[in-house]
Amino acid sequence: MKHVLKIFSLLVVISALWIGLLQASIIPQSHTWLLPIYFVVSLGCYGLLMVGVGLMHFPTCPQEALLLQQDIAEAKDFLKQRGVDVGSE
């Protein structure tokens, strides 16, 4: 519930800022109407940046890789016993 309140309060602040800019005429009217589009594009760029950073810092798990290789070898042996051709290495 706290997260919802944070998001709601952020939206209220952004809306108030946008309406304030519309009323004060600090920024030309033609540019002010584009601010929501700029905001959505900026949010999309931020999301892509966070995905990229997350991929760059993705942890490697050498122990899990070894366990996976063991599981693959066991599965190949099991399938070979059942007469399934699993390919050659």
Protein backbone atom coordinates (compact mmCIF):
# COMPACT_ATOMS: atom_id res chain seq x y z
CA MET A 1 0.00 0.00 0.00
CA LYS A 2 2.87 2.36 0.72
CA HIS A 3 4.22 1.87 -2.80
CA VAL A 4 0.85 2.84 -4.28
CA LEU A 5 0.84 6.03 -2.20
CA LYS A 6 4.34 6.91 -3.39
CA ILE A 7 3.33 6.45 -7.02
CA PHE A 8 0.13 8.42 -6.53
CA SER A 9 1.95 11.29 -4.81
CA LEU A 10 4.54 11.35 -7.61
CA LEU A 11 1.79 11.56 -10.22
CA VAL A 12 0.11 14.38 -8.29
CA VAL A 13 3.38 16.33 -8.11
CA ILE A 14 4.08 15.84 -11.81
CA SER A 15 0.52 16.88 -12.70
CA ALA A 16 0.75 19.95 -10.48
CA LEU A 17 4.06 20.91 -12.08
CA TRP A 18 2.63 20.47 -15.55
CA ILE A 19 -0.49 22.52 -14.76
CA GLY A 20 1.69 25.18 -13.14
CA LEU A 21 3.80 25.43 -16.27
CA LEU A 22 0.65 25.72 -18.38
CA GLN A 23 -0.72 28.53 -16.22
CA ALA A 24 2.52 30.47 -15.68
CA SER A 25 3.53 30.55 -19.35
CA ILE A 26 7.19 30.08 -18.37
CA ILE A 27 7.56 27.64 -21.23
CA PRO A 28 5.77 28.35 -24.53
CA GLN A 29 2.31 26.76 -24.77
CA SER A 30 3.31 24.59 -27.74
CA HIS A 31 6.16 23.02 -25.77
CA THR A 32 4.18 22.57 -22.57
CA TRP A 33 1.60 20.32 -24.19
CA LEU A 34 4.40 17.99 -25.24
CA LEU A 35 5.72 17.50 -21.69
CA PRO A 36 3.66 14.34 -21.01
CA ILE A 37 5.07 12.80 -24.18
CA TYR A 38 8.59 13.76 -23.13
CA PHE A 39 7.91 12.25 -19.72
CA VAL A 40 6.74 8.93 -21.18
CA VAL A 41 9.72 8.78 -23.55
CA SER A 42 12.10 9.60 -20.69
CA LEU A 43 10.49 6.91 -18.54
CA GLY A 44 10.96 4.39 -21.36
CA CYS A 45 14.62 5.35 -21.75
CA TYR A 46 15.11 5.02 -18.01
CA GLY A 47 13.52 1.57 -18.09
CA LEU A 48 15.77 0.45 -20.92
CA LEU A 49 18.79 1.82 -19.06
CA MET A 50 17.85 -0.13 -15.92
CA VAL A 51 17.42 -3.34 -17.95
CA GLY A 52 20.84 -2.78 -19.55
CA VAL A 53 22.51 -2.12 -16.21
CA GLY A 54 20.83 -5.21 -14.78
CA LEU A 55 22.13 -7.32 -17.67
CA MET A 56 25.65 -5.95 -17.28
CA HIS A 57 25.67 -6.82 -13.58
CA PHE A 58 23.93 -10.18 -14.00
CA PRO A 59 25.60 -12.58 -11.58
CA THR A 60 27.29 -15.69 -12.87
CA CYS A 61 26.89 -18.88 -10.90
CA PRO A 62 29.72 -21.31 -11.67
CA GLN A 63 28.42 -23.87 -9.14
CA GLU A 64 25.01 -23.88 -10.77
CA ALA A 65 26.62 -24.23 -14.20
CA LEU A 66 28.45 -27.36 -13.03
CA LEU A 67 25.24 -28.80 -11.58
CA LEU A 68 23.45 -28.09 -14.85
CA GLN A 69 26.17 -29.86 -16.85
CA GLN A 70 25.87 -32.86 -14.51
CA ASP A 71 22.10 -32.92 -14.99
CA ILE A 72 22.54 -32.78 -18.76
CA ALA A 73 25.01 -35.67 -18.69
CA GLU A 74 22.62 -37.72 -16.50
CA ALA A 75 19.73 -36.99 -18.85
CA LYS A 76 21.78 -38.02 -21.89
CA ASP A 77 22.77 -41.29 -20.19
CA PHE A 78 19.16 -41.95 -19.22
CA LEU A 79 17.95 -41.31 -22.77
CA LYS A 80 20.72 -43.46 -24.29
CA GLN A 81 19.64 -46.35 -22.04
CA ARG A 82 16.11 -45.95 -23.39
CA GLY A 83 17.36 -46.01 -26.98
CA VAL A 84 16.95 -42.35 -27.82
CA ASP A 85 19.60 -40.79 -30.05
CA VAL A 86 20.79 -37.64 -28.25
CA GLY A 87 23.42 -36.66 -30.83
CA SER A 88 27.16 -36.80 -30.69
CA GLU A 89 29.61 -34.44 -29.08
